[in-house]
Amino acid sequence: QEQVVESGGGLVQPGGSLRLSCTVSGSIFRLYAVGWYRQAPGKQREVVAIMSSDGNTNYADSVKGRFTISRDNAKNTVSLQMNGLKPEDTAVYYCWYRDFWGQGTQVTVSS
């Protein structure tokens, strides 16, 4: 059973930045895609950003140009750099890897 653990959420003002990190257990991390999803209150979980095993990325239209996903296969980590945050980015953010999900980390954008 793989373990997926996120960190880095918090409260930030509009226009601010946050960096989320996720650490995955196991030895085959480099072979699979990994990504970030989010779920706002009363809404369905949606994809934010995905990075394939060979480094290709896909982003939700709503975050393109503001968010950047990256991975470090040597450390089994994936990060999400979020800049230019907006109130509508407020959600619980989940790290995804294969069939596994982290516990989620709250991101709140508010003045």
PDB file of N, CA and C in Angstrom:
ATOM      1  N   GLN A   1       0.835  -1.190   0.000  1.00  0.00           N
ATOM      2  CA  GLN A   1       0.000   0.000   0.000  1.00  0.00           C
ATOM      3  C   GLN A   1       0.874   1.246   0.000  1.00  0.00           C
ATOM      4  N   GLU A   2       0.718   2.019  -1.068  1.00  0.00           N
ATOM      5  CA  GLU A   2       1.497   3.248  -1.135  1.00  0.00           C
ATOM      6  C   GLU A   2       0.916   4.284  -0.170  1.00  0.00           C
ATOM      7  N   GLN A   3       1.767   5.182   0.271  1.00  0.00           N
ATOM      8  CA  GLN A   3       1.320   6.306   1.097  1.00  0.00           C
ATOM      9  C   GLN A   3       1.587   7.602   0.367  1.00  0.00           C
ATOM     10  N   VAL A   4       0.611   8.481   0.440  1.00  0.00           N
ATOM     11  CA  VAL A   4       0.695   9.772  -0.233  1.00  0.00           C
ATOM     12  C   VAL A   4       0.401  10.848   0.803  1.00  0.00           C
ATOM     13  N   VAL A   5       1.343  11.739   1.031  1.00  0.00           N
ATOM     14  CA  VAL A   5       1.217  12.721   2.106  1.00  0.00           C
ATOM     15  C   VAL A   5       1.499  14.116   1.565  1.00  0.00           C
ATOM     16  N   GLU A   6       0.497  14.999   1.713  1.00  0.00           N
ATOM     17  CA  GLU A   6       0.654  16.379   1.250  1.00  0.00           C
ATOM     18  C   GLU A   6       1.056  17.296   2.402  1.00  0.00           C
ATOM     19  N   SER A   7       1.606  18.439   2.013  1.00  0.00           N
ATOM     20  CA  SER A   7       1.882  19.498   2.979  1.00  0.00           C
ATOM     21  C   SER A   7       1.916  20.823   2.240  1.00  0.00           C
ATOM     22  N   GLY A   8       1.786  21.916   2.997  1.00  0.00           N
ATOM     23  CA  GLY A   8       1.998  23.232   2.407  1.00  0.00           C
ATOM     24  C   GLY A   8       0.783  24.107   2.225  1.00  0.00           C
ATOM     25  N   GLY A   9      -0.388  23.662   2.601  1.00  0.00           N
ATOM     26  CA  GLY A   9      -1.568  24.505   2.457  1.00  0.00           C
ATOM     27  C   GLY A   9      -1.566  25.632   3.467  1.00  0.00           C
ATOM     28  N   GLY A  10      -2.589  26.472   3.372  1.00  0.00           N
ATOM     29  CA  GLY A  10      -2.705  27.569   4.329  1.00  0.00           C
ATOM     30  C   GLY A  10      -3.592  28.675   3.828  1.00  0.00           C
ATOM     31  N   LEU A  11      -3.512  29.808   4.526  1.00  0.00           N
ATOM     32  CA  LEU A  11      -4.308  30.984   4.191  1.00  0.00           C
ATOM     33  C   LEU A  11      -3.402  32.010   3.517  1.00  0.00           C
ATOM     34  N   VAL A  12      -3.845  32.544   2.404  1.00  0.00           N
ATOM     35  CA  VAL A  12      -3.053  33.520   1.664  1.00  0.00           C
ATOM     36  C   VAL A  12      -3.989  34.572   1.081  1.00  0.00           C
ATOM     37  N   GLN A  13      -3.479  35.783   0.928  1.00  0.00           N
ATOM     38  CA  GLN A  13      -4.277  36.852   0.338  1.00  0.00           C
ATOM     39  C   GLN A  13      -4.335  36.713  -1.178  1.00  0.00           C
ATOM     40  N   PRO A  14      -5.363  37.245  -1.794  1.00  0.00           N
ATOM     41  CA  PRO A  14      -5.422  37.232  -3.266  1.00  0.00           C
ATOM     42  C   PRO A  14      -4.151  37.827  -3.867  1.00  0.00           C
ATOM     43  N   GLY A  15      -3.663  37.161  -4.911  1.00  0.00           N
ATOM     44  CA  GLY A  15      -2.419  37.567  -5.542  1.00  0.00           C
ATOM     45  C   GLY A  15      -1.189  36.925  -4.947  1.00  0.00           C
ATOM     46  N   GLY A  16      -1.349  36.255  -3.835  1.00  0.00           N
ATOM     47  CA  GLY A  16      -0.219  35.630  -3.168  1.00  0.00           C
ATOM     48  C   GLY A  16       0.149  34.285  -3.761  1.00  0.00           C
ATOM     49  N   SER A  17       1.127  33.652  -3.111  1.00  0.00           N
ATOM     50  CA  SER A  17       1.657  32.373  -3.591  1.00  0.00           C
ATOM     51  C   SER A  17       1.702  31.354  -2.469  1.00  0.00           C
ATOM     52  N   LEU A  18       1.572  30.106  -2.872  1.00  0.00           N
ATOM     53  CA  LEU A  18       1.766  28.968  -1.976  1.00  0.00           C
ATOM     54  C   LEU A  18       2.428  27.857  -2.771  1.00  0.00           C
ATOM     55  N   ARG A  19       3.130  27.011  -2.046  1.00  0.00           N
ATOM     56  CA  ARG A  19       3.733  25.828  -2.669  1.00  0.00           C
ATOM     57  C   ARG A  19       3.270  24.599  -1.908  1.00  0.00           C
ATOM     58  N   LEU A  20       2.638  23.685  -2.623  1.00  0.00           N
ATOM     59  CA  LEU A  20       2.229  22.412  -2.053  1.00  0.00           C
ATOM     60  C   LEU A  20       3.251  21.343  -2.403  1.00  0.00           C
ATOM     61  N   SER A  21       3.473  20.447  -1.462  1.00  0.00           N
ATOM     62  CA  SER A  21       4.384  19.334  -1.704  1.00  0.00           C
ATOM     63  C   SER A  21       3.689  18.024  -1.351  1.00  0.00           C
ATOM     64  N   CYS A  22       4.131  16.963  -2.009  1.00  0.00           N
ATOM     65  CA  CYS A  22       3.560  15.640  -1.778  1.00  0.00           C
ATOM     66  C   CYS A  22       4.683  14.616  -1.858  1.00  0.00           C
ATOM     67  N   THR A  23       4.728  13.754  -0.875  1.00  0.00           N
ATOM     68  CA  THR A  23       5.717  12.679  -0.849  1.00  0.00           C
ATOM     69  C   THR A  23       5.001  11.351  -0.974  1.00  0.00           C
ATOM     70  N   VAL A  24       5.524  10.504  -1.850  1.00  0.00           N
ATOM     71  CA  VAL A  24       4.923   9.198  -2.131  1.00  0.00           C
ATOM     72  C   VAL A  24       5.894   8.103  -1.724  1.00  0.00           C
ATOM     73  N   SER A  25       5.387   7.093  -1.046  1.00  0.00           N
ATOM     74  CA  SER A  25       6.237   5.961  -0.686  1.00  0.00           C
ATOM     75  C   SER A  25       6.332   5.009  -1.864  1.00  0.00           C
ATOM     76  N   GLY A  26       7.292   4.096  -1.814  1.00  0.00           N
ATOM     77  CA  GLY A  26       7.417   3.109  -2.874  1.00  0.00           C
ATOM     78  C   GLY A  26       8.579   3.390  -3.803  1.00  0.00           C
ATOM     79  N   SER A  27       8.932   2.375  -4.584  1.00  0.00           N
ATOM     80  CA  SER A  27      10.142   2.447  -5.404  1.00  0.00           C
ATOM     81  C   SER A  27       9.888   2.636  -6.892  1.00  0.00           C
ATOM     82  N   ILE A  28       8.634   2.742  -7.302  1.00  0.00           N
ATOM     83  CA  ILE A  28       8.332   2.838  -8.735  1.00  0.00           C
ATOM     84  C   ILE A  28       7.660   4.154  -9.083  1.00  0.00           C
ATOM     85  N   PHE A  29       7.830   5.155  -8.215  1.00  0.00           N
ATOM     86  CA  PHE A  29       7.220   6.472  -8.411  1.00  0.00           C
ATOM     87  C   PHE A  29       7.516   7.023  -9.796  1.00  0.00           C
ATOM     88  N   ARG A  30       8.746   6.834 -10.255  1.00  0.00           N
ATOM     89  CA  ARG A  30       9.187   7.445 -11.504  1.00  0.00           C
ATOM     90  C   ARG A  30       8.455   6.880 -12.722  1.00  0.00           C
ATOM     91  N   LEU A  31       7.802   5.737 -12.577  1.00  0.00           N
ATOM     92  CA  LEU A  31       7.169   5.059 -13.710  1.00  0.00           C
ATOM     93  C   LEU A  31       5.737   5.524 -13.977  1.00  0.00           C
ATOM     94  N   TYR A  32       5.182   6.346 -13.104  1.00  0.00           N
ATOM     95  CA  TYR A  32       3.768   6.690 -13.203  1.00  0.00           C
ATOM     96  C   TYR A  32       3.535   8.193 -13.229  1.00  0.00           C
ATOM     97  N   ALA A  33       2.408   8.546 -13.796  1.00  0.00           N
ATOM     98  CA  ALA A  33       1.965   9.933 -13.728  1.00  0.00           C
ATOM     99  C   ALA A  33       1.588  10.280 -12.290  1.00  0.00           C
ATOM    100  N   VAL A  34       1.609  11.566 -12.016  1.00  0.00           N
ATOM    101  CA  VAL A  34       1.257  12.050 -10.684  1.00  0.00           C
ATOM    102  C   VAL A  34       0.599  13.409 -10.859  1.00  0.00           C
ATOM    103  N   GLY A  35      -0.227  13.793  -9.897  1.00  0.00           N
ATOM    104  CA  GLY A  35      -0.900  15.072 -10.104  1.00  0.00           C
ATOM    105  C   GLY A  35      -1.590  15.628  -8.890  1.00  0.00           C
ATOM    106  N   TRP A  36      -2.266  16.741  -9.134  1.00  0.00           N
ATOM    107  CA  TRP A  36      -3.003  17.447  -8.094  1.00  0.00           C
ATOM    108  C   TRP A  36      -4.452  17.654  -8.541  1.00  0.00           C
ATOM    109  N   TYR A  37      -5.346  17.417  -7.623  1.00  0.00           N
ATOM    110  CA  TYR A  37      -6.766  17.697  -7.803  1.00  0.00           C
ATOM    111  C   TYR A  37      -7.197  18.636  -6.683  1.00  0.00           C
ATOM    112  N   ARG A  38      -8.388  19.207  -6.842  1.00  0.00           N
ATOM    113  CA  ARG A  38      -8.930  20.031  -5.769  1.00  0.00           C
ATOM    114  C   ARG A  38     -10.446  19.885  -5.704  1.00  0.00           C
ATOM    115  N   GLN A  39     -10.965  20.164  -4.524  1.00  0.00           N
ATOM    116  CA  GLN A  39     -12.409  20.097  -4.332  1.00  0.00           C
ATOM    117  C   GLN A  39     -12.842  21.260  -3.462  1.00  0.00           C
ATOM    118  N   ALA A  40     -13.639  22.119  -4.047  1.00  0.00           N
ATOM    119  CA  ALA A  40     -14.192  23.253  -3.318  1.00  0.00           C
ATOM    120  C   ALA A  40     -15.518  22.837  -2.680  1.00  0.00           C
ATOM    121  N   PRO A  41     -15.946  23.545  -1.641  1.00  0.00           N
ATOM    122  CA  PRO A  41     -17.209  23.193  -0.976  1.00  0.00           C
ATOM    123  C   PRO A  41     -18.378  23.158  -1.955  1.00  0.00           C
ATOM    124  N   GLY A  42     -19.123  22.075  -1.927  1.00  0.00           N
ATOM    125  CA  GLY A  42     -20.301  21.941  -2.776  1.00  0.00           C
ATOM    126  C   GLY A  42     -20.017  21.621  -4.229  1.00  0.00           C
ATOM    127  N   LYS A  43     -18.748  21.366  -4.536  1.00  0.00           N
ATOM    128  CA  LYS A  43     -18.377  21.076  -5.925  1.00  0.00           C
ATOM    129  C   LYS A  43     -17.696  19.720  -6.024  1.00  0.00           C
ATOM    130  N   GLN A  44     -17.639  19.206  -7.253  1.00  0.00           N
ATOM    131  CA  GLN A  44     -16.953  17.944  -7.485  1.00  0.00           C
ATOM    132  C   GLN A  44     -15.445  18.147  -7.503  1.00  0.00           C
ATOM    133  N   ARG A  45     -14.729  17.077  -7.201  1.00  0.00           N
ATOM    134  CA  ARG A  45     -13.284  17.116  -7.289  1.00  0.00           C
ATOM    135  C   ARG A  45     -12.884  17.308  -8.755  1.00  0.00           C
ATOM    136  N   GLU A  46     -11.916  18.182  -8.996  1.00  0.00           N
ATOM    137  CA  GLU A  46     -11.486  18.470 -10.358  1.00  0.00           C
ATOM    138  C   GLU A  46      -9.975  18.399 -10.460  1.00  0.00           C
ATOM    139  N   VAL A  47      -9.511  18.095 -11.652  1.00  0.00           N
ATOM    140  CA  VAL A  47      -8.073  18.032 -11.879  1.00  0.00           C
ATOM    141  C   VAL A  47      -7.509  19.448 -11.931  1.00  0.00           C
ATOM    142  N   VAL A  48      -6.332  19.606 -11.359  1.00  0.00           N
ATOM    143  CA  VAL A  48      -5.614  20.880 -11.409  1.00  0.00           C
ATOM    144  C   VAL A  48      -4.426  20.766 -12.355  1.00  0.00           C
ATOM    145  N   ALA A  49      -3.601  19.757 -12.135  1.00  0.00           N
ATOM    146  CA  ALA A  49      -2.403  19.581 -12.956  1.00  0.00           C
ATOM    147  C   ALA A  49      -1.944  18.135 -12.870  1.00  0.00           C
ATOM    148  N   ILE A  50      -1.450  17.636 -13.998  1.00  0.00           N
ATOM    149  CA  ILE A  50      -0.947  16.267 -14.082  1.00  0.00           C
ATOM    150  C   ILE A  50       0.422  16.305 -14.747  1.00  0.00           C
ATOM    151  N   MET A  51       1.337  15.498 -14.236  1.00  0.00           N
ATOM    152  CA  MET A  51       2.631  15.339 -14.895  1.00  0.00           C
ATOM    153  C   MET A  51       2.846  13.849 -15.163  1.00  0.00           C
ATOM    154  N   SER A  52       3.146  13.529 -16.414  1.00  0.00           N
ATOM    155  CA  SER A  52       3.387  12.140 -16.794  1.00  0.00           C
ATOM    156  C   SER A  52       4.755  11.683 -16.317  1.00  0.00           C
ATOM    157  N   SER A  53       5.018  10.395 -16.500  1.00  0.00           N
ATOM    158  CA  SER A  53       6.305   9.844 -16.070  1.00  0.00           C
ATOM    159  C   SER A  53       7.473  10.448 -16.855  1.00  0.00           C
ATOM    160  N   ASP A  54       7.191  10.900 -18.077  1.00  0.00           N
ATOM    161  CA  ASP A  54       8.278  11.483 -18.874  1.00  0.00           C
ATOM    162  C   ASP A  54       8.281  13.003 -18.842  1.00  0.00           C
ATOM    163  N   GLY A  55       7.489  13.578 -17.932  1.00  0.00           N
ATOM    164  CA  GLY A  55       7.581  15.013 -17.702  1.00  0.00           C
ATOM    165  C   GLY A  55       6.577  15.875 -18.443  1.00  0.00           C
ATOM    166  N   ASN A  56       5.711  15.292 -19.245  1.00  0.00           N
ATOM    167  CA  ASN A  56       4.695  16.087 -19.915  1.00  0.00           C
ATOM    168  C   ASN A  56       3.656  16.561 -18.896  1.00  0.00           C
ATOM    169  N   THR A  57       3.161  17.770 -19.116  1.00  0.00           N
ATOM    170  CA  THR A  57       2.227  18.346 -18.154  1.00  0.00           C
ATOM    171  C   THR A  57       0.902  18.738 -18.813  1.00  0.00           C
ATOM    172  N   ASN A  58      -0.142  18.697 -18.015  1.00  0.00           N
ATOM    173  CA  ASN A  58      -1.448  19.192 -18.413  1.00  0.00           C
ATOM    174  C   ASN A  58      -2.033  19.971 -17.250  1.00  0.00           C
ATOM    175  N   TYR A  59      -2.637  21.097 -17.569  1.00  0.00           N
ATOM    176  CA  TYR A  59      -3.209  21.955 -16.546  1.00  0.00           C
ATOM    177  C   TYR A  59      -4.670  22.262 -16.850  1.00  0.00           C
ATOM    178  N   ALA A  60      -5.433  22.455 -15.791  1.00  0.00           N
ATOM    179  CA  ALA A  60      -6.781  22.983 -15.967  1.00  0.00           C
ATOM    180  C   ALA A  60      -6.671  24.386 -16.556  1.00  0.00           C
ATOM    181  N   ASP A  61      -7.607  24.737 -17.413  1.00  0.00           N
ATOM    182  CA  ASP A  61      -7.567  26.063 -18.034  1.00  0.00           C
ATOM    183  C   ASP A  61      -7.553  27.170 -16.991  1.00  0.00           C
ATOM    184  N   SER A  62      -8.214  26.938 -15.883  1.00  0.00           N
ATOM    185  CA  SER A  62      -8.347  27.976 -14.861  1.00  0.00           C
ATOM    186  C   SER A  62      -7.039  28.293 -14.145  1.00  0.00           C
ATOM    187  N   VAL A  63      -6.040  27.423 -14.262  1.00  0.00           N
ATOM    188  CA  VAL A  63      -4.780  27.651 -13.550  1.00  0.00           C
ATOM    189  C   VAL A  63      -3.586  27.830 -14.484  1.00  0.00           C
ATOM    190  N   LYS A  64      -3.796  27.680 -15.777  1.00  0.00           N
ATOM    191  CA  LYS A  64      -2.688  27.819 -16.727  1.00  0.00           C
ATOM    192  C   LYS A  64      -2.029  29.191 -16.589  1.00  0.00           C
ATOM    193  N   GLY A  65      -0.706  29.170 -16.562  1.00  0.00           N
ATOM    194  CA  GLY A  65       0.031  30.411 -16.441  1.00  0.00           C
ATOM    195  C   GLY A  65       0.225  30.877 -15.011  1.00  0.00           C
ATOM    196  N   ARG A  66      -0.460  30.246 -14.080  1.00  0.00           N
ATOM    197  CA  ARG A  66      -0.339  30.631 -12.669  1.00  0.00           C
ATOM    198  C   ARG A  66       0.262  29.511 -11.816  1.00  0.00           C
ATOM    199  N   PHE A  67      -0.080  28.276 -12.138  1.00  0.00           N
ATOM    200  CA  PHE A  67       0.376  27.123 -11.358  1.00  0.00           C
ATOM    201  C   PHE A  67       1.421  26.353 -12.161  1.00  0.00           C
ATOM    202  N   THR A  68       2.367  25.754 -11.443  1.00  0.00           N
ATOM    203  CA  THR A  68       3.394  24.925 -12.071  1.00  0.00           C
ATOM    204  C   THR A  68       3.579  23.650 -11.270  1.00  0.00           C
ATOM    205  N   ILE A  69       3.451  22.521 -11.955  1.00  0.00           N
ATOM    206  CA  ILE A  69       3.682  21.227 -11.317  1.00  0.00           C
ATOM    207  C   ILE A  69       5.099  20.764 -11.632  1.00  0.00           C
ATOM    208  N   SER A  70       5.726  20.126 -10.651  1.00  0.00           N
ATOM    209  CA  SER A  70       7.069  19.588 -10.867  1.00  0.00           C
ATOM    210  C   SER A  70       7.209  18.314 -10.040  1.00  0.00           C
ATOM    211  N   ARG A  71       8.179  17.499 -10.427  1.00  0.00           N
ATOM    212  CA  ARG A  71       8.410  16.263  -9.687  1.00  0.00           C
ATOM    213  C   ARG A  71       9.895  16.033  -9.537  1.00  0.00           C
ATOM    214  N   ASP A  72      10.259  15.343  -8.473  1.00  0.00           N
ATOM    215  CA  ASP A  72      11.637  14.942  -8.219  1.00  0.00           C
ATOM    216  C   ASP A  72      11.620  13.434  -7.993  1.00  0.00           C
ATOM    217  N   ASN A  73      11.994  12.695  -9.011  1.00  0.00           N
ATOM    218  CA  ASN A  73      11.916  11.231  -8.914  1.00  0.00           C
ATOM    219  C   ASN A  73      12.920  10.660  -7.919  1.00  0.00           C
ATOM    220  N   ALA A  74      13.988  11.357  -7.679  1.00  0.00           N
ATOM    221  CA  ALA A  74      14.974  10.881  -6.712  1.00  0.00           C
ATOM    222  C   ALA A  74      14.439  10.943  -5.279  1.00  0.00           C
ATOM    223  N   LYS A  75      13.516  11.878  -5.053  1.00  0.00           N
ATOM    224  CA  LYS A  75      12.961  12.059  -3.715  1.00  0.00           C
ATOM    225  C   LYS A  75      11.507  11.589  -3.606  1.00  0.00           C
ATOM    226  N   ASN A  76      10.955  11.083  -4.701  1.00  0.00           N
ATOM    227  CA  ASN A  76       9.543  10.650  -4.717  1.00  0.00           C
ATOM    228  C   ASN A  76       8.598  11.780  -4.310  1.00  0.00           C
ATOM    229  N   THR A  77       8.840  12.952  -4.846  1.00  0.00           N
ATOM    230  CA  THR A  77       8.001  14.087  -4.488  1.00  0.00           C
ATOM    231  C   THR A  77       7.412  14.761  -5.731  1.00  0.00           C
ATOM    232  N   VAL A  78       6.263  15.371  -5.530  1.00  0.00           N
ATOM    233  CA  VAL A  78       5.645  16.202  -6.546  1.00  0.00           C
ATOM    234  C   VAL A  78       5.201  17.491  -5.865  1.00  0.00           C
ATOM    235  N   SER A  79       5.411  18.596  -6.537  1.00  0.00           N
ATOM    236  CA  SER A  79       5.086  19.898  -5.962  1.00  0.00           C
ATOM    237  C   SER A  79       4.155  20.671  -6.888  1.00  0.00           C
ATOM    238  N   LEU A  80       3.454  21.600  -6.294  1.00  0.00           N
ATOM    239  CA  LEU A  80       2.586  22.494  -7.058  1.00  0.00           C
ATOM    240  C   LEU A  80       2.863  23.919  -6.589  1.00  0.00           C
ATOM    241  N   GLN A  81       3.500  24.693  -7.435  1.00  0.00           N
ATOM    242  CA  GLN A  81       3.748  26.098  -7.144  1.00  0.00           C
ATOM    243  C   GLN A  81       2.556  26.901  -7.639  1.00  0.00           C
ATOM    244  N   MET A  82       1.924  27.614  -6.732  1.00  0.00           N
ATOM    245  CA  MET A  82       0.712  28.359  -7.070  1.00  0.00           C
ATOM    246  C   MET A  82       0.974  29.843  -6.883  1.00  0.00           C
ATOM    247  N   ASN A  83       0.925  30.585  -7.974  1.00  0.00           N
ATOM    248  CA  ASN A  83       1.129  32.019  -7.953  1.00  0.00           C
ATOM    249  C   ASN A  83      -0.144  32.731  -8.397  1.00  0.00           C
ATOM    250  N   GLY A  84      -0.244  33.983  -8.075  1.00  0.00           N
ATOM    251  CA  GLY A  84      -1.423  34.749  -8.492  1.00  0.00           C
ATOM    252  C   GLY A  84      -2.717  34.141  -8.008  1.00  0.00           C
ATOM    253  N   LEU A  85      -2.724  33.699  -6.764  1.00  0.00           N
ATOM    254  CA  LEU A  85      -3.896  32.989  -6.249  1.00  0.00           C
ATOM    255  C   LEU A  85      -5.133  33.890  -6.205  1.00  0.00           C
ATOM    256  N   LYS A  86      -6.260  33.262  -6.478  1.00  0.00           N
ATOM    257  CA  LYS A  86      -7.549  33.943  -6.507  1.00  0.00           C
ATOM    258  C   LYS A  86      -8.493  33.305  -5.488  1.00  0.00           C
ATOM    259  N   PRO A  87      -9.497  34.021  -5.032  1.00  0.00           N
ATOM    260  CA  PRO A  87     -10.446  33.417  -4.089  1.00  0.00           C
ATOM    261  C   PRO A  87     -11.067  32.124  -4.620  1.00  0.00           C
ATOM    262  N   GLU A  88     -11.252  32.050  -5.924  1.00  0.00           N
ATOM    263  CA  GLU A  88     -11.849  30.833  -6.494  1.00  0.00           C
ATOM    264  C   GLU A  88     -10.903  29.644  -6.496  1.00  0.00           C
ATOM    265  N   ASP A  89      -9.658  29.842  -6.100  1.00  0.00           N
ATOM    266  CA  ASP A  89      -8.728  28.723  -5.923  1.00  0.00           C
ATOM    267  C   ASP A  89      -8.903  28.060  -4.556  1.00  0.00           C
ATOM    268  N   THR A  90      -9.717  28.644  -3.710  1.00  0.00           N
ATOM    269  CA  THR A  90      -9.943  28.064  -2.389  1.00  0.00           C
ATOM    270  C   THR A  90     -10.562  26.681  -2.513  1.00  0.00           C
ATOM    271  N   ALA A  91      -9.911  25.700  -1.890  1.00  0.00           N
ATOM    272  CA  ALA A  91     -10.347  24.310  -1.993  1.00  0.00           C
ATOM    273  C   ALA A  91      -9.436  23.442  -1.125  1.00  0.00           C
ATOM    274  N   VAL A  92      -9.837  22.200  -0.990  1.00  0.00           N
ATOM    275  CA  VAL A  92      -8.922  21.186  -0.452  1.00  0.00           C
ATOM    276  C   VAL A  92      -8.185  20.586  -1.647  1.00  0.00           C
ATOM    277  N   TYR A  93      -6.879  20.585  -1.569  1.00  0.00           N
ATOM    278  CA  TYR A  93      -6.036  20.085  -2.652  1.00  0.00           C
ATOM    279  C   TYR A  93      -5.540  18.691  -2.305  1.00  0.00           C
ATOM    280  N   TYR A  94      -5.658  17.787  -3.285  1.00  0.00           N
ATOM    281  CA  TYR A  94      -5.296  16.394  -3.086  1.00  0.00           C
ATOM    282  C   TYR A  94      -4.192  15.997  -4.070  1.00  0.00           C
ATOM    283  N   CYS A  95      -3.229  15.283  -3.545  1.00  0.00           N
ATOM    284  CA  CYS A  95      -2.201  14.680  -4.383  1.00  0.00           C
ATOM    285  C   CYS A  95      -2.710  13.325  -4.861  1.00  0.00           C
ATOM    286  N   TRP A  96      -2.470  13.034  -6.128  1.00  0.00           N
ATOM    287  CA  TRP A  96      -2.942  11.779  -6.722  1.00  0.00           C
ATOM    288  C   TRP A  96      -1.757  11.018  -7.308  1.00  0.00           C
ATOM    289  N   TYR A  97      -1.739   9.720  -7.060  1.00  0.00           N
ATOM    290  CA  TYR A  97      -0.710   8.848  -7.608  1.00  0.00           C
ATOM    291  C   TYR A  97      -1.309   7.467  -7.785  1.00  0.00           C
ATOM    292  N   ARG A  98      -1.410   7.020  -9.020  1.00  0.00           N
ATOM    293  CA  ARG A  98      -2.001   5.720  -9.357  1.00  0.00           C
ATOM    294  C   ARG A  98      -3.416   5.656  -8.763  1.00  0.00           C
ATOM    295  N   ASP A  99      -3.695   4.729  -7.888  1.00  0.00           N
ATOM    296  CA  ASP A  99      -5.018   4.612  -7.268  1.00  0.00           C
ATOM    297  C   ASP A  99      -5.057   5.234  -5.882  1.00  0.00           C
ATOM    298  N   PHE A 100      -4.037   5.997  -5.539  1.00  0.00           N
ATOM    299  CA  PHE A 100      -3.888   6.481  -4.177  1.00  0.00           C
ATOM    300  C   PHE A 100      -4.060   8.000  -4.098  1.00  0.00           C
ATOM    301  N   TRP A 101      -4.625   8.428  -2.984  1.00  0.00           N
ATOM    302  CA  TRP A 101      -4.859   9.844  -2.726  1.00  0.00           C
ATOM    303  C   TRP A 101      -4.279  10.227  -1.365  1.00  0.00           C
ATOM    304  N   GLY A 102      -3.799  11.449  -1.288  1.00  0.00           N
ATOM    305  CA  GLY A 102      -3.415  11.979   0.003  1.00  0.00           C
ATOM    306  C   GLY A 102      -4.637  12.377   0.807  1.00  0.00           C
ATOM    307  N   GLN A 103      -4.380  12.860   2.008  1.00  0.00           N
ATOM    308  CA  GLN A 103      -5.476  13.222   2.904  1.00  0.00           C
ATOM    309  C   GLN A 103      -6.049  14.593   2.586  1.00  0.00           C
ATOM    310  N   GLY A 104      -5.356  15.347   1.781  1.00  0.00           N
ATOM    311  CA  GLY A 104      -5.813  16.669   1.386  1.00  0.00           C
ATOM    312  C   GLY A 104      -5.225  17.759   2.258  1.00  0.00           C
ATOM    313  N   THR A 105      -5.023  18.909   1.651  1.00  0.00           N
ATOM    314  CA  THR A 105      -4.526  20.072   2.385  1.00  0.00           C
ATOM    315  C   THR A 105      -5.350  21.292   1.975  1.00  0.00           C
ATOM    316  N   GLN A 106      -5.775  22.060   2.963  1.00  0.00           N
ATOM    317  CA  GLN A 106      -6.668  23.185   2.705  1.00  0.00           C
ATOM    318  C   GLN A 106      -5.885  24.391   2.206  1.00  0.00           C
ATOM    319  N   VAL A 107      -6.372  24.973   1.126  1.00  0.00           N
ATOM    320  CA  VAL A 107      -5.859  26.243   0.615  1.00  0.00           C
ATOM    321  C   VAL A 107      -7.008  27.241   0.645  1.00  0.00           C
ATOM    322  N   THR A 108      -6.798  28.345   1.344  1.00  0.00           N
ATOM    323  CA  THR A 108      -7.815  29.375   1.443  1.00  0.00           C
ATOM    324  C   THR A 108      -7.224  30.692   0.960  1.00  0.00           C
ATOM    325  N   VAL A 109      -7.889  31.294  -0.013  1.00  0.00           N
ATOM    326  CA  VAL A 109      -7.445  32.569  -0.566  1.00  0.00           C
ATOM    327  C   VAL A 109      -8.480  33.621  -0.190  1.00  0.00           C
ATOM    328  N   SER A 110      -8.075  34.513   0.688  1.00  0.00           N
ATOM    329  CA  SER A 110      -9.022  35.500   1.209  1.00  0.00           C
ATOM    330  C   SER A 110      -8.280  36.694   1.768  1.00  0.00           C
ATOM    331  N   SER A 111      -8.903  37.853   1.656  1.00  0.00           N
ATOM    332  CA  SER A 111      -8.331  39.056   2.248  1.00  0.00           C
ATOM    333  C   SER A 111      -8.907  39.293   3.643  1.00  0.00           C
TER     334      SER A 111
END
